N, C-alpha and C. Protein backbone atom coordinates (compact mmCIF):
# COMPACT_ATOMS: atom_id res chain seq x y z
N UNK A 1 158.16 176.24 -9.13
CA UNK A 1 157.98 175.04 -9.93
C UNK A 1 158.59 175.24 -11.31
N UNK A 2 159.24 174.22 -11.85
CA UNK A 2 159.79 174.36 -13.20
C UNK A 2 158.67 174.46 -14.22
N UNK A 3 158.98 175.09 -15.33
CA UNK A 3 157.96 175.29 -16.35
C UNK A 3 158.25 174.44 -17.58
N UNK A 4 157.18 174.01 -18.22
CA UNK A 4 157.24 173.27 -19.47
C UNK A 4 156.54 174.12 -20.51
N UNK A 5 157.20 174.37 -21.62
CA UNK A 5 156.60 175.22 -22.64
C UNK A 5 155.82 174.39 -23.64
N UNK A 6 154.60 174.84 -23.90
CA UNK A 6 153.75 174.27 -24.95
C UNK A 6 153.36 175.43 -25.86
N UNK A 7 152.99 175.12 -27.10
CA UNK A 7 152.57 176.16 -28.03
C UNK A 7 151.13 175.93 -28.44
N UNK A 8 150.34 176.98 -28.33
CA UNK A 8 148.92 176.95 -28.70
C UNK A 8 148.75 177.70 -30.00
N UNK A 9 148.03 177.10 -30.96
CA UNK A 9 147.73 177.77 -32.22
C UNK A 9 146.22 177.97 -32.30
N UNK A 10 145.82 179.24 -32.37
CA UNK A 10 144.41 179.57 -32.52
C UNK A 10 144.00 179.42 -33.99
N UNK A 11 142.71 179.42 -34.25
CA UNK A 11 142.20 179.23 -35.61
C UNK A 11 142.73 180.30 -36.56
N UNK A 12 142.95 181.52 -36.08
CA UNK A 12 143.45 182.58 -36.95
C UNK A 12 144.97 182.55 -37.11
N UNK A 13 145.63 181.54 -36.54
CA UNK A 13 147.08 181.41 -36.68
C UNK A 13 147.88 182.08 -35.59
N UNK A 14 147.21 182.70 -34.63
CA UNK A 14 147.92 183.34 -33.52
C UNK A 14 148.56 182.27 -32.64
N UNK A 15 149.83 182.45 -32.36
CA UNK A 15 150.60 181.51 -31.55
C UNK A 15 150.76 182.06 -30.14
N UNK A 16 150.48 181.23 -29.15
CA UNK A 16 150.63 181.61 -27.75
C UNK A 16 151.48 180.57 -27.05
N UNK A 17 152.46 181.04 -26.29
CA UNK A 17 153.29 180.15 -25.50
C UNK A 17 152.58 179.89 -24.17
N UNK A 18 152.47 178.62 -23.81
CA UNK A 18 151.85 178.24 -22.54
C UNK A 18 152.94 177.72 -21.61
N UNK A 19 152.94 178.18 -20.39
CA UNK A 19 153.86 177.67 -19.38
C UNK A 19 153.11 176.67 -18.52
N UNK A 20 153.53 175.43 -18.58
CA UNK A 20 152.91 174.36 -17.81
C UNK A 20 153.84 173.99 -16.67
N UNK A 21 153.29 173.76 -15.49
CA UNK A 21 154.11 173.29 -14.37
C UNK A 21 154.41 171.81 -14.59
N UNK A 22 155.14 171.21 -13.66
CA UNK A 22 155.40 169.78 -13.77
C UNK A 22 154.32 168.94 -13.08
N UNK A 23 153.26 169.59 -12.59
CA UNK A 23 152.14 168.91 -11.94
C UNK A 23 151.12 168.50 -13.01
N UNK A 24 150.88 167.20 -13.22
CA UNK A 24 149.95 166.74 -14.26
C UNK A 24 148.54 167.31 -14.14
N UNK A 25 148.03 167.45 -12.92
CA UNK A 25 146.68 168.02 -12.75
C UNK A 25 146.64 169.47 -13.21
N UNK A 26 147.66 170.23 -12.84
CA UNK A 26 147.72 171.63 -13.24
C UNK A 26 147.93 171.75 -14.75
N UNK A 27 148.73 170.85 -15.33
CA UNK A 27 148.93 170.85 -16.78
C UNK A 27 147.60 170.65 -17.49
N UNK A 28 146.81 169.69 -17.03
CA UNK A 28 145.51 169.41 -17.65
C UNK A 28 144.59 170.62 -17.56
N UNK A 29 144.59 171.30 -16.43
CA UNK A 29 143.75 172.49 -16.26
C UNK A 29 144.19 173.60 -17.20
N UNK A 30 145.50 173.82 -17.31
CA UNK A 30 146.01 174.87 -18.18
C UNK A 30 145.66 174.60 -19.63
N UNK A 31 145.83 173.35 -20.07
CA UNK A 31 145.50 173.00 -21.46
C UNK A 31 144.00 173.14 -21.70
N UNK A 32 143.17 172.69 -20.77
CA UNK A 32 141.72 172.81 -20.93
C UNK A 32 141.30 174.28 -21.02
N UNK A 33 141.91 175.14 -20.21
CA UNK A 33 141.60 176.57 -20.28
C UNK A 33 142.03 177.16 -21.63
N UNK A 34 143.16 176.74 -22.13
CA UNK A 34 143.65 177.24 -23.42
C UNK A 34 142.71 176.82 -24.56
N UNK A 35 142.15 175.63 -24.44
CA UNK A 35 141.27 175.11 -25.49
C UNK A 35 139.81 175.52 -25.30
N UNK A 36 139.47 175.97 -24.10
CA UNK A 36 138.07 176.26 -23.73
C UNK A 36 137.20 175.02 -23.96
N UNK A 37 137.76 173.87 -23.65
CA UNK A 37 137.09 172.59 -23.88
C UNK A 37 137.87 171.50 -23.13
N UNK A 38 137.28 170.34 -23.03
CA UNK A 38 137.99 169.20 -22.47
C UNK A 38 139.07 168.77 -23.46
N UNK A 39 140.31 168.57 -23.01
CA UNK A 39 141.39 168.22 -23.93
C UNK A 39 141.31 166.77 -24.40
N UNK A 40 141.71 166.58 -25.65
CA UNK A 40 141.77 165.24 -26.23
C UNK A 40 142.98 165.18 -27.17
N UNK A 41 143.79 164.16 -27.04
CA UNK A 41 144.96 164.00 -27.90
C UNK A 41 144.49 163.64 -29.30
N UNK A 42 144.96 164.40 -30.30
CA UNK A 42 144.59 164.08 -31.68
C UNK A 42 145.75 163.46 -32.46
N UNK A 43 146.96 163.57 -31.93
CA UNK A 43 148.10 162.95 -32.62
C UNK A 43 149.28 162.81 -31.66
N UNK A 44 150.01 161.73 -31.86
CA UNK A 44 151.31 161.54 -31.23
C UNK A 44 152.32 161.53 -32.36
N UNK A 45 153.39 162.26 -32.20
CA UNK A 45 154.41 162.35 -33.25
C UNK A 45 155.74 161.96 -32.63
N UNK A 46 156.38 160.98 -33.23
CA UNK A 46 157.69 160.52 -32.77
C UNK A 46 158.75 161.03 -33.73
N UNK A 47 159.69 161.80 -33.20
CA UNK A 47 160.77 162.39 -33.99
C UNK A 47 162.09 162.05 -33.31
N UNK A 48 163.19 162.08 -34.06
CA UNK A 48 164.49 161.82 -33.44
C UNK A 48 164.81 162.77 -32.28
N UNK A 49 164.30 164.00 -32.35
CA UNK A 49 164.59 164.99 -31.31
C UNK A 49 163.67 164.86 -30.09
N UNK A 50 162.64 164.05 -30.17
CA UNK A 50 161.73 163.87 -29.05
C UNK A 50 160.31 163.60 -29.51
N UNK A 51 159.46 163.24 -28.57
CA UNK A 51 158.06 162.91 -28.87
C UNK A 51 157.18 164.13 -28.61
N UNK A 52 156.18 164.29 -29.46
CA UNK A 52 155.23 165.38 -29.32
C UNK A 52 153.83 164.81 -29.20
N UNK A 53 152.99 165.53 -28.50
CA UNK A 53 151.57 165.23 -28.48
C UNK A 53 150.84 166.48 -28.93
N UNK A 54 149.78 166.28 -29.68
CA UNK A 54 148.98 167.37 -30.20
C UNK A 54 147.59 167.23 -29.57
N UNK A 55 147.14 168.27 -28.92
CA UNK A 55 145.91 168.22 -28.14
C UNK A 55 144.93 169.26 -28.67
N UNK A 56 143.68 168.83 -28.83
CA UNK A 56 142.61 169.73 -29.27
C UNK A 56 141.42 169.51 -28.35
N UNK A 57 140.39 170.30 -28.53
CA UNK A 57 139.19 170.17 -27.71
C UNK A 57 138.35 168.97 -28.14
N UNK A 58 137.72 168.36 -27.17
CA UNK A 58 136.87 167.20 -27.45
C UNK A 58 135.71 167.57 -28.38
N UNK A 59 135.23 168.81 -28.30
CA UNK A 59 134.10 169.25 -29.13
C UNK A 59 134.56 170.05 -30.35
N UNK A 60 135.74 169.74 -30.86
CA UNK A 60 136.34 170.51 -31.94
C UNK A 60 135.57 170.44 -33.25
N UNK A 61 134.72 169.45 -33.44
CA UNK A 61 133.97 169.32 -34.69
C UNK A 61 133.07 170.54 -34.92
N UNK A 62 132.75 171.26 -33.85
CA UNK A 62 131.91 172.46 -33.96
C UNK A 62 132.74 173.70 -34.26
N UNK A 63 134.05 173.54 -34.39
CA UNK A 63 134.96 174.68 -34.59
C UNK A 63 135.34 174.82 -36.06
N UNK A 64 135.98 175.94 -36.33
CA UNK A 64 136.50 176.18 -37.68
C UNK A 64 137.79 175.40 -37.90
N UNK A 65 138.13 175.11 -39.17
CA UNK A 65 139.41 174.45 -39.45
C UNK A 65 140.58 175.32 -39.00
N UNK A 66 141.62 174.68 -38.52
CA UNK A 66 142.83 175.38 -38.10
C UNK A 66 143.92 175.05 -39.13
N UNK A 67 144.02 175.89 -40.13
CA UNK A 67 144.94 175.66 -41.24
C UNK A 67 146.39 175.64 -40.76
N UNK A 68 146.76 176.57 -39.89
CA UNK A 68 148.14 176.65 -39.42
C UNK A 68 148.53 175.40 -38.63
N UNK A 69 147.63 174.91 -37.79
CA UNK A 69 147.92 173.69 -37.03
C UNK A 69 147.99 172.49 -37.96
N UNK A 70 147.14 172.44 -38.98
CA UNK A 70 147.18 171.34 -39.95
C UNK A 70 148.51 171.31 -40.69
N UNK A 71 149.00 172.49 -41.07
CA UNK A 71 150.30 172.58 -41.76
C UNK A 71 151.41 172.12 -40.83
N UNK A 72 151.37 172.57 -39.58
CA UNK A 72 152.39 172.15 -38.60
C UNK A 72 152.36 170.64 -38.40
N UNK A 73 151.18 170.08 -38.27
CA UNK A 73 151.04 168.63 -38.10
C UNK A 73 151.63 167.88 -39.29
N UNK A 74 151.32 168.35 -40.48
CA UNK A 74 151.83 167.68 -41.68
C UNK A 74 153.35 167.81 -41.78
N UNK A 75 153.88 168.99 -41.48
CA UNK A 75 155.33 169.19 -41.54
C UNK A 75 156.07 168.37 -40.48
N UNK A 76 155.46 168.21 -39.32
CA UNK A 76 156.10 167.47 -38.23
C UNK A 76 155.97 165.95 -38.37
N UNK A 77 154.89 165.49 -38.97
CA UNK A 77 154.63 164.05 -39.00
C UNK A 77 154.64 163.44 -40.40
N UNK A 78 154.65 164.26 -41.43
CA UNK A 78 154.54 163.80 -42.82
C UNK A 78 153.21 163.11 -43.10
N UNK A 79 152.22 163.32 -42.26
CA UNK A 79 150.86 162.82 -42.46
C UNK A 79 149.91 164.00 -42.44
N UNK A 80 148.82 163.89 -43.20
CA UNK A 80 147.82 164.95 -43.20
C UNK A 80 146.90 164.78 -42.01
N UNK A 81 146.68 165.85 -41.28
CA UNK A 81 145.72 165.87 -40.17
C UNK A 81 144.82 167.09 -40.37
N UNK A 82 143.54 166.89 -40.28
CA UNK A 82 142.58 167.98 -40.41
C UNK A 82 142.27 168.53 -39.03
N UNK A 83 143.04 169.51 -38.59
CA UNK A 83 142.88 170.08 -37.25
C UNK A 83 141.71 171.06 -37.24
N UNK A 84 140.95 171.00 -36.18
CA UNK A 84 139.80 171.89 -36.01
C UNK A 84 139.94 172.61 -34.67
N UNK A 85 139.61 173.89 -34.65
CA UNK A 85 139.65 174.66 -33.41
C UNK A 85 141.08 174.92 -32.94
N UNK A 86 141.19 175.41 -31.73
CA UNK A 86 142.49 175.69 -31.13
C UNK A 86 143.21 174.38 -30.87
N UNK A 87 144.53 174.39 -31.09
CA UNK A 87 145.35 173.18 -30.94
C UNK A 87 146.57 173.53 -30.10
N UNK A 88 146.97 172.60 -29.22
CA UNK A 88 148.15 172.77 -28.38
C UNK A 88 149.17 171.69 -28.73
N UNK A 89 150.41 172.11 -28.95
CA UNK A 89 151.53 171.20 -29.22
C UNK A 89 152.43 171.19 -28.00
N UNK A 90 152.80 170.02 -27.54
CA UNK A 90 153.74 169.92 -26.42
C UNK A 90 154.53 168.62 -26.55
N UNK A 91 155.63 168.54 -25.84
CA UNK A 91 156.39 167.31 -25.79
C UNK A 91 155.81 166.39 -24.74
N UNK A 92 156.16 165.12 -24.80
CA UNK A 92 155.70 164.19 -23.77
C UNK A 92 156.68 163.06 -23.60
N UNK A 93 156.58 162.42 -22.45
CA UNK A 93 157.33 161.20 -22.17
C UNK A 93 156.37 160.03 -22.33
N UNK A 94 156.90 158.85 -22.50
CA UNK A 94 156.04 157.68 -22.72
C UNK A 94 155.18 157.33 -21.50
N UNK A 95 155.52 157.88 -20.34
CA UNK A 95 154.67 157.65 -19.16
C UNK A 95 153.50 158.63 -19.11
N UNK A 96 153.42 159.53 -20.09
CA UNK A 96 152.32 160.47 -20.18
C UNK A 96 152.62 161.86 -19.67
N UNK A 97 153.77 162.06 -19.02
CA UNK A 97 154.13 163.40 -18.53
C UNK A 97 154.38 164.34 -19.70
N UNK A 98 153.88 165.55 -19.58
CA UNK A 98 154.16 166.57 -20.58
C UNK A 98 155.50 167.21 -20.29
N UNK A 99 156.25 167.47 -21.35
CA UNK A 99 157.56 168.11 -21.25
C UNK A 99 157.64 169.19 -22.32
N UNK A 100 158.71 169.95 -22.30
CA UNK A 100 158.88 171.01 -23.30
C UNK A 100 158.98 170.43 -24.70
N UNK A 101 158.51 171.19 -25.66
CA UNK A 101 158.65 170.80 -27.06
C UNK A 101 160.12 170.73 -27.44
N UNK A 102 160.51 169.77 -28.27
CA UNK A 102 161.88 169.79 -28.79
C UNK A 102 162.10 171.11 -29.56
N UNK A 103 163.29 171.65 -29.47
CA UNK A 103 163.58 172.95 -30.09
C UNK A 103 163.27 172.99 -31.58
N UNK A 104 163.60 171.92 -32.33
CA UNK A 104 163.35 171.95 -33.77
C UNK A 104 161.86 172.00 -34.08
N UNK A 105 161.04 171.31 -33.29
CA UNK A 105 159.59 171.34 -33.49
C UNK A 105 159.03 172.72 -33.14
N UNK A 106 159.49 173.29 -32.04
CA UNK A 106 159.03 174.62 -31.64
C UNK A 106 159.40 175.66 -32.70
N UNK A 107 160.59 175.59 -33.23
CA UNK A 107 161.02 176.53 -34.28
C UNK A 107 160.17 176.38 -35.54
N UNK A 108 159.86 175.15 -35.93
CA UNK A 108 159.03 174.92 -37.11
C UNK A 108 157.64 175.52 -36.90
N UNK A 109 157.04 175.28 -35.74
CA UNK A 109 155.70 175.81 -35.45
C UNK A 109 155.72 177.33 -35.44
N UNK A 110 156.73 177.91 -34.81
CA UNK A 110 156.82 179.38 -34.77
C UNK A 110 156.96 179.97 -36.18
N UNK A 111 157.62 179.26 -37.07
CA UNK A 111 157.78 179.75 -38.44
C UNK A 111 156.50 179.69 -39.26
N UNK A 112 155.56 178.85 -38.87
CA UNK A 112 154.31 178.69 -39.60
C UNK A 112 153.27 179.75 -39.20
N UNK A 113 153.31 180.17 -37.96
CA UNK A 113 152.27 181.08 -37.44
C UNK A 113 152.63 182.53 -37.71
N UNK A 114 151.68 183.31 -38.23
CA UNK A 114 151.97 184.69 -38.64
C UNK A 114 152.14 185.68 -37.50
N UNK A 115 151.56 185.42 -36.35
CA UNK A 115 151.68 186.38 -35.24
C UNK A 115 151.67 185.64 -33.91
N UNK A 116 152.23 186.30 -32.92
CA UNK A 116 152.31 185.67 -31.61
C UNK A 116 151.73 186.59 -30.54
N UNK A 117 151.35 185.98 -29.42
CA UNK A 117 150.96 186.72 -28.23
C UNK A 117 151.87 186.27 -27.12
N UNK A 118 151.79 186.94 -25.99
CA UNK A 118 152.65 186.52 -24.87
C UNK A 118 151.87 185.71 -23.87
C-alpha cells in the first residue's frame, strides 16, 4: 500500500513521522493511536502548495500546551492557535482523504521541532 506521511508533534517538541496508508479507516486508527485519544480536526489550512489539516485529541483540554505545534500553526496559517496535547499535521483533499504534507509545510514543521524520532 502507498504511504502518506504525516508529522506528529508531542508536547515536548519531539517530532515523529507517521506513515499512513491510503485506507481511511486505517488512517483514522493510526492517528488515534498517535494521539492516544479520539482524533478531532482543530484547523484547516489552505496554502498555495496544498491543504493541511491539523488533528488533536478530543480530550486535549486535559493536556499541556503544545508550544511547538502552536508556533507551527501560526507560521503556516498566520493565525494564532492554542494547541494542547499531541498534534498531527497532514495534507488533505477536499473529499476528506488524507495525503502527504506539502514539502514546504513539512520543512517548516521540521525546522520548529528540536528533536525527532523515527
